[in-house]
């Protein structure tokens, strides 16, 4: 099935905006307490003007058995619509700790099927 082009309206309105996605050189492990949620050597580093860099981890390296999708949705005029996940654990529902752009705009296709984590909700260990 052929996908139709979906350019980002944000870049059309603001052509000077810079967002760079590059491979992260090293390994990344994401934990909640002692539970490993994700581990990869194929992370991507997204650098966006005005924001701290963000690591995006391929879905294949994320333990979705420990996560559940929430109803939270946000929109970025540069990346597209984001979906969110929280830790799936008994008791009180937790806060959103991961987001992903499952169908990003064309300019951000490199982060499709990659998740990013809130550093305040998880521990992110990086090594090179």
N, C-alpha and C. Protein backbone atom coordinates (compact mmCIF):
# COMPACT_ATOMS: atom_id res chain seq x y z
N UNK A 1 0.85 -1.18 0.00
CA UNK A 1 0.00 0.00 0.00
C UNK A 1 0.90 1.25 0.00
N UNK A 2 0.67 2.13 -0.92
CA UNK A 2 1.49 3.33 -1.02
C UNK A 2 1.00 4.40 -0.04
N UNK A 3 1.96 4.99 0.66
CA UNK A 3 1.65 6.02 1.65
C UNK A 3 1.68 7.37 0.96
N UNK A 4 0.71 8.19 1.24
CA UNK A 4 0.69 9.53 0.66
C UNK A 4 1.65 10.43 1.44
N UNK A 5 2.19 11.41 0.76
CA UNK A 5 3.12 12.35 1.40
C UNK A 5 2.39 13.12 2.49
N UNK A 6 3.09 13.34 3.58
CA UNK A 6 2.52 14.07 4.70
C UNK A 6 3.57 15.03 5.25
N UNK A 7 3.77 16.16 4.56
CA UNK A 7 4.78 17.12 5.04
C UNK A 7 4.31 17.83 6.30
N UNK A 8 5.27 18.22 7.12
CA UNK A 8 4.98 18.90 8.38
C UNK A 8 4.56 20.34 8.14
N UNK A 9 3.38 20.74 8.62
CA UNK A 9 2.95 22.13 8.44
C UNK A 9 3.85 23.10 9.21
N UNK A 10 4.47 22.64 10.30
CA UNK A 10 5.35 23.50 11.08
C UNK A 10 6.53 23.99 10.27
N UNK A 11 7.12 23.10 9.47
CA UNK A 11 8.27 23.49 8.65
C UNK A 11 7.84 24.41 7.50
N UNK A 12 6.62 24.25 7.03
CA UNK A 12 6.11 25.14 5.99
C UNK A 12 5.99 26.55 6.53
N UNK A 13 5.47 26.68 7.75
CA UNK A 13 5.30 28.00 8.38
C UNK A 13 6.62 28.57 8.92
N UNK A 14 7.53 27.69 9.31
CA UNK A 14 8.78 28.12 9.95
C UNK A 14 9.94 27.34 9.32
N UNK A 15 10.32 27.69 8.08
CA UNK A 15 11.35 26.92 7.37
C UNK A 15 12.72 26.98 8.03
N UNK A 16 12.97 27.91 8.93
CA UNK A 16 14.25 28.01 9.61
C UNK A 16 14.39 27.08 10.80
N UNK A 17 13.32 26.40 11.19
CA UNK A 17 13.34 25.48 12.34
C UNK A 17 14.28 24.32 12.05
N UNK A 18 15.11 23.98 13.03
CA UNK A 18 16.06 22.89 12.86
C UNK A 18 15.76 21.75 13.84
N UNK A 19 15.56 20.57 13.28
CA UNK A 19 15.45 19.35 14.06
C UNK A 19 16.35 18.33 13.36
N UNK A 20 17.31 17.80 14.11
CA UNK A 20 18.27 16.84 13.56
C UNK A 20 18.11 15.52 14.30
N UNK A 21 18.06 14.43 13.54
CA UNK A 21 18.01 13.09 14.13
C UNK A 21 19.27 12.37 13.66
N UNK A 22 20.02 11.84 14.64
CA UNK A 22 21.26 11.13 14.30
C UNK A 22 21.38 9.89 15.17
N UNK A 23 22.15 8.89 14.72
CA UNK A 23 22.35 7.71 15.56
C UNK A 23 23.07 8.09 16.86
N UNK A 24 22.66 7.46 17.96
CA UNK A 24 23.35 7.65 19.23
C UNK A 24 24.46 6.61 19.28
N UNK A 25 25.66 7.07 19.51
CA UNK A 25 26.81 6.17 19.54
C UNK A 25 26.97 5.62 20.96
N UNK A 26 26.48 4.42 21.17
CA UNK A 26 26.57 3.81 22.48
C UNK A 26 25.31 3.01 22.77
N UNK A 27 25.20 2.57 24.01
CA UNK A 27 24.02 1.80 24.42
C UNK A 27 23.18 2.64 25.38
N UNK A 28 21.90 2.30 25.41
CA UNK A 28 20.94 3.00 26.28
C UNK A 28 20.10 1.94 26.98
N UNK A 29 19.94 2.10 28.30
CA UNK A 29 19.06 1.24 29.08
C UNK A 29 18.09 2.14 29.84
N UNK A 30 16.82 1.79 29.78
CA UNK A 30 15.78 2.55 30.49
C UNK A 30 15.19 1.64 31.56
N UNK A 31 15.16 2.16 32.80
CA UNK A 31 14.66 1.37 33.93
C UNK A 31 13.62 2.15 34.73
N UNK A 32 12.72 1.40 35.35
CA UNK A 32 11.84 1.92 36.38
C UNK A 32 12.14 1.05 37.59
N UNK A 33 12.67 1.67 38.63
CA UNK A 33 13.20 0.91 39.78
C UNK A 33 14.26 -0.04 39.23
N UNK A 34 14.11 -1.35 39.44
CA UNK A 34 15.09 -2.31 38.92
C UNK A 34 14.60 -3.02 37.67
N UNK A 35 13.46 -2.59 37.13
CA UNK A 35 12.88 -3.25 35.96
C UNK A 35 13.38 -2.55 34.69
N UNK A 36 14.01 -3.33 33.81
CA UNK A 36 14.47 -2.78 32.53
C UNK A 36 13.26 -2.70 31.59
N UNK A 37 12.98 -1.49 31.12
CA UNK A 37 11.86 -1.26 30.20
C UNK A 37 12.34 -1.28 28.76
N UNK A 38 13.58 -0.85 28.54
CA UNK A 38 14.14 -0.82 27.18
C UNK A 38 15.66 -0.91 27.27
N UNK A 39 16.26 -1.53 26.25
CA UNK A 39 17.72 -1.59 26.15
C UNK A 39 18.07 -1.70 24.67
N UNK A 40 19.00 -0.85 24.23
CA UNK A 40 19.32 -0.84 22.81
C UNK A 40 20.72 -0.31 22.54
N UNK A 41 21.22 -0.65 21.38
CA UNK A 41 22.43 -0.03 20.84
C UNK A 41 22.07 0.70 19.55
N UNK A 42 20.74 0.85 19.31
CA UNK A 42 20.27 1.48 18.07
C UNK A 42 19.42 2.73 18.33
N UNK A 43 19.69 3.41 19.43
CA UNK A 43 18.92 4.62 19.75
C UNK A 43 19.24 5.73 18.75
N UNK A 44 18.31 6.65 18.63
CA UNK A 44 18.50 7.86 17.81
C UNK A 44 18.41 9.06 18.73
N UNK A 45 19.23 10.05 18.46
CA UNK A 45 19.26 11.27 19.25
C UNK A 45 18.62 12.39 18.43
N UNK A 46 17.53 12.95 18.96
CA UNK A 46 16.84 14.04 18.29
C UNK A 46 17.24 15.35 18.96
N UNK A 47 17.74 16.27 18.16
CA UNK A 47 18.14 17.59 18.65
C UNK A 47 17.24 18.62 17.99
N UNK A 48 16.50 19.35 18.83
CA UNK A 48 15.55 20.36 18.34
C UNK A 48 15.87 21.69 18.99
N UNK A 49 15.93 22.73 18.15
CA UNK A 49 16.19 24.08 18.66
C UNK A 49 15.27 24.40 19.84
N UNK A 50 15.86 24.86 20.94
CA UNK A 50 15.07 25.30 22.09
C UNK A 50 14.69 24.20 23.07
N UNK A 51 15.10 22.95 22.81
CA UNK A 51 14.75 21.83 23.70
C UNK A 51 15.98 20.99 23.98
N UNK A 52 16.01 20.30 25.13
CA UNK A 52 17.14 19.39 25.38
C UNK A 52 17.07 18.21 24.40
N UNK A 53 18.21 17.59 24.08
CA UNK A 53 18.20 16.42 23.21
C UNK A 53 17.37 15.28 23.81
N UNK A 54 16.76 14.48 22.93
CA UNK A 54 15.91 13.37 23.36
C UNK A 54 16.36 12.09 22.66
N UNK A 55 16.47 11.00 23.43
CA UNK A 55 16.80 9.70 22.87
C UNK A 55 15.51 8.98 22.46
N UNK A 56 15.49 8.45 21.26
CA UNK A 56 14.37 7.64 20.76
C UNK A 56 14.87 6.22 20.57
N UNK A 57 14.14 5.27 21.15
CA UNK A 57 14.53 3.86 21.16
C UNK A 57 13.58 3.08 20.24
N UNK A 58 14.15 2.20 19.39
CA UNK A 58 13.29 1.41 18.49
C UNK A 58 12.27 0.57 19.28
N UNK A 59 11.05 0.51 18.76
CA UNK A 59 10.01 -0.30 19.40
C UNK A 59 10.50 -1.73 19.67
N UNK A 60 11.29 -2.29 18.75
CA UNK A 60 11.75 -3.68 18.90
C UNK A 60 12.60 -3.87 20.16
N UNK A 61 13.13 -2.79 20.71
CA UNK A 61 13.98 -2.88 21.90
C UNK A 61 13.29 -2.37 23.17
N UNK A 62 11.97 -2.18 23.10
CA UNK A 62 11.18 -1.72 24.24
C UNK A 62 10.30 -2.87 24.73
N UNK A 63 10.29 -3.08 26.04
CA UNK A 63 9.47 -4.15 26.63
C UNK A 63 8.03 -3.71 26.81
N UNK A 64 7.25 -3.80 25.76
CA UNK A 64 5.86 -3.34 25.83
C UNK A 64 5.02 -4.17 26.79
N UNK A 65 5.50 -5.33 27.22
CA UNK A 65 4.75 -6.12 28.21
C UNK A 65 4.67 -5.38 29.54
N UNK A 66 5.59 -4.44 29.76
CA UNK A 66 5.59 -3.65 31.00
C UNK A 66 4.85 -2.32 30.84
N UNK A 67 4.33 -2.06 29.65
CA UNK A 67 3.70 -0.76 29.37
C UNK A 67 2.28 -0.94 28.88
N UNK A 68 1.46 0.09 29.11
CA UNK A 68 0.12 0.11 28.54
C UNK A 68 -0.14 1.48 27.96
N UNK A 69 -0.80 1.47 26.82
CA UNK A 69 -1.13 2.72 26.13
C UNK A 69 -2.14 3.49 26.96
N UNK A 70 -2.00 4.81 26.99
CA UNK A 70 -2.97 5.65 27.69
C UNK A 70 -3.80 6.42 26.66
N UNK A 71 -4.75 7.19 27.14
CA UNK A 71 -5.59 7.99 26.25
C UNK A 71 -4.93 9.33 25.88
N UNK A 72 -3.77 9.62 26.45
CA UNK A 72 -3.11 10.90 26.19
C UNK A 72 -2.69 10.99 24.73
N UNK A 73 -2.96 12.11 24.12
CA UNK A 73 -2.55 12.41 22.74
C UNK A 73 -2.10 13.86 22.71
N UNK A 74 -1.02 14.12 22.00
CA UNK A 74 -0.59 15.50 21.76
C UNK A 74 -0.24 15.65 20.29
N UNK A 75 -0.10 16.90 19.87
CA UNK A 75 0.24 17.17 18.47
C UNK A 75 1.42 18.13 18.41
N UNK A 76 2.37 17.83 17.56
CA UNK A 76 3.51 18.71 17.29
C UNK A 76 3.44 19.09 15.81
N UNK A 77 3.49 20.37 15.47
CA UNK A 77 3.40 20.76 14.06
C UNK A 77 4.62 20.33 13.24
N UNK A 78 5.67 19.85 13.90
CA UNK A 78 6.87 19.40 13.20
C UNK A 78 6.98 17.88 13.13
N UNK A 79 6.47 17.19 14.15
CA UNK A 79 6.62 15.73 14.22
C UNK A 79 5.32 14.99 13.93
N UNK A 80 4.19 15.53 14.35
CA UNK A 80 2.91 14.87 14.13
C UNK A 80 2.20 14.59 15.44
N UNK A 81 1.36 13.54 15.44
CA UNK A 81 0.57 13.17 16.62
C UNK A 81 1.32 12.15 17.46
N UNK A 82 1.39 12.41 18.76
CA UNK A 82 2.09 11.51 19.68
C UNK A 82 1.09 10.70 20.50
N UNK A 83 1.44 9.44 20.72
CA UNK A 83 0.70 8.54 21.62
C UNK A 83 1.57 8.32 22.85
N UNK A 84 0.94 7.91 23.96
CA UNK A 84 1.66 7.79 25.23
C UNK A 84 1.40 6.45 25.90
N UNK A 85 2.37 6.03 26.73
CA UNK A 85 2.29 4.79 27.49
C UNK A 85 2.68 5.05 28.93
N UNK A 86 2.20 4.20 29.82
CA UNK A 86 2.58 4.24 31.24
C UNK A 86 2.96 2.83 31.65
N UNK A 87 3.54 2.71 32.83
CA UNK A 87 3.91 1.42 33.37
C UNK A 87 2.63 0.65 33.68
N UNK A 88 2.58 -0.60 33.26
CA UNK A 88 1.41 -1.43 33.59
C UNK A 88 1.75 -2.20 34.85
N UNK A 89 1.18 -1.74 35.94
CA UNK A 89 1.44 -2.37 37.24
C UNK A 89 0.16 -2.34 38.04
N UNK A 90 0.00 -3.29 38.96
CA UNK A 90 -1.20 -3.29 39.79
C UNK A 90 -1.27 -2.03 40.67
N UNK A 91 -2.48 -1.66 41.03
CA UNK A 91 -2.64 -0.50 41.91
C UNK A 91 -2.98 0.75 41.12
N UNK A 92 -2.53 1.87 41.64
CA UNK A 92 -2.82 3.16 41.03
C UNK A 92 -2.23 3.26 39.62
N UNK A 93 -3.00 3.79 38.67
CA UNK A 93 -2.42 3.99 37.35
C UNK A 93 -1.29 5.02 37.42
N UNK A 94 -0.19 4.73 36.77
CA UNK A 94 0.95 5.63 36.79
C UNK A 94 0.83 6.74 35.76
N UNK A 95 1.79 7.64 35.80
CA UNK A 95 1.84 8.74 34.85
C UNK A 95 2.41 8.25 33.52
N UNK A 96 2.12 9.02 32.47
CA UNK A 96 2.73 8.73 31.18
C UNK A 96 4.24 8.79 31.33
N UNK A 97 4.93 7.77 30.80
CA UNK A 97 6.39 7.80 30.88
C UNK A 97 7.07 7.64 29.53
N UNK A 98 6.30 7.29 28.50
CA UNK A 98 6.87 7.16 27.16
C UNK A 98 5.92 7.75 26.14
N UNK A 99 6.48 8.34 25.09
CA UNK A 99 5.67 8.81 23.97
C UNK A 99 6.31 8.36 22.67
N UNK A 100 5.51 8.33 21.61
CA UNK A 100 6.01 7.94 20.30
C UNK A 100 5.17 8.59 19.22
N UNK A 101 5.81 8.85 18.10
CA UNK A 101 5.13 9.34 16.89
C UNK A 101 5.04 8.14 15.95
N UNK A 102 3.89 7.48 15.97
CA UNK A 102 3.74 6.24 15.20
C UNK A 102 3.55 6.50 13.71
N UNK A 103 3.07 7.67 13.35
CA UNK A 103 2.91 8.06 11.95
C UNK A 103 3.37 9.51 11.81
N UNK A 104 4.68 9.74 11.98
CA UNK A 104 5.19 11.13 11.97
C UNK A 104 5.10 11.75 10.58
N UNK A 105 5.24 13.06 10.56
CA UNK A 105 5.34 13.76 9.29
C UNK A 105 6.59 13.28 8.55
N UNK A 106 6.59 13.46 7.24
CA UNK A 106 7.68 12.97 6.39
C UNK A 106 9.07 13.38 6.89
N UNK A 107 9.21 14.60 7.32
CA UNK A 107 10.52 15.11 7.74
C UNK A 107 11.06 14.40 8.97
N UNK A 108 10.19 13.77 9.73
CA UNK A 108 10.59 13.08 10.97
C UNK A 108 10.41 11.57 10.87
N UNK A 109 10.41 11.04 9.66
CA UNK A 109 10.20 9.60 9.45
C UNK A 109 11.21 8.74 10.21
N UNK A 110 12.39 9.28 10.51
CA UNK A 110 13.42 8.52 11.23
C UNK A 110 12.99 8.11 12.64
N UNK A 111 12.02 8.80 13.24
CA UNK A 111 11.59 8.43 14.60
C UNK A 111 10.32 7.59 14.61
N UNK A 112 9.86 7.19 13.42
CA UNK A 112 8.69 6.30 13.35
C UNK A 112 9.05 4.99 14.06
N UNK A 113 8.10 4.47 14.83
CA UNK A 113 8.30 3.21 15.57
C UNK A 113 9.48 3.28 16.53
N UNK A 114 9.64 4.44 17.15
CA UNK A 114 10.62 4.67 18.22
C UNK A 114 9.90 5.36 19.37
N UNK A 115 10.29 5.03 20.59
CA UNK A 115 9.69 5.66 21.77
C UNK A 115 10.72 6.48 22.52
N UNK A 116 10.25 7.53 23.16
CA UNK A 116 11.10 8.39 24.00
C UNK A 116 10.51 8.40 25.41
N UNK A 117 11.38 8.52 26.40
CA UNK A 117 10.97 8.42 27.79
C UNK A 117 11.22 9.73 28.54
N UNK A 118 10.32 10.02 29.49
CA UNK A 118 10.49 11.18 30.37
C UNK A 118 11.54 10.85 31.42
N UNK A 119 12.63 11.61 31.44
CA UNK A 119 13.71 11.34 32.38
C UNK A 119 13.25 11.43 33.84
N UNK A 120 12.25 12.21 34.15
CA UNK A 120 11.76 12.31 35.52
C UNK A 120 10.97 11.09 35.96
N UNK A 121 10.53 10.27 34.99
CA UNK A 121 9.71 9.10 35.30
C UNK A 121 10.50 7.78 35.27
N UNK A 122 11.65 7.80 34.59
CA UNK A 122 12.47 6.60 34.45
C UNK A 122 13.94 6.98 34.68
N UNK A 123 14.78 5.96 34.79
CA UNK A 123 16.23 6.17 34.82
C UNK A 123 16.77 5.79 33.46
N UNK A 124 17.50 6.69 32.83
CA UNK A 124 18.10 6.43 31.53
C UNK A 124 19.60 6.34 31.71
N UNK A 125 20.14 5.16 31.44
CA UNK A 125 21.58 4.94 31.55
C UNK A 125 22.17 4.89 30.15
N UNK A 126 23.23 5.70 29.93
CA UNK A 126 23.88 5.76 28.62
C UNK A 126 25.33 5.37 28.79
N UNK A 127 25.85 4.61 27.84
CA UNK A 127 27.28 4.30 27.83
C UNK A 127 27.79 4.31 26.39
N UNK A 128 29.04 4.66 26.24
CA UNK A 128 29.59 4.71 24.89
C UNK A 128 30.69 3.68 24.71
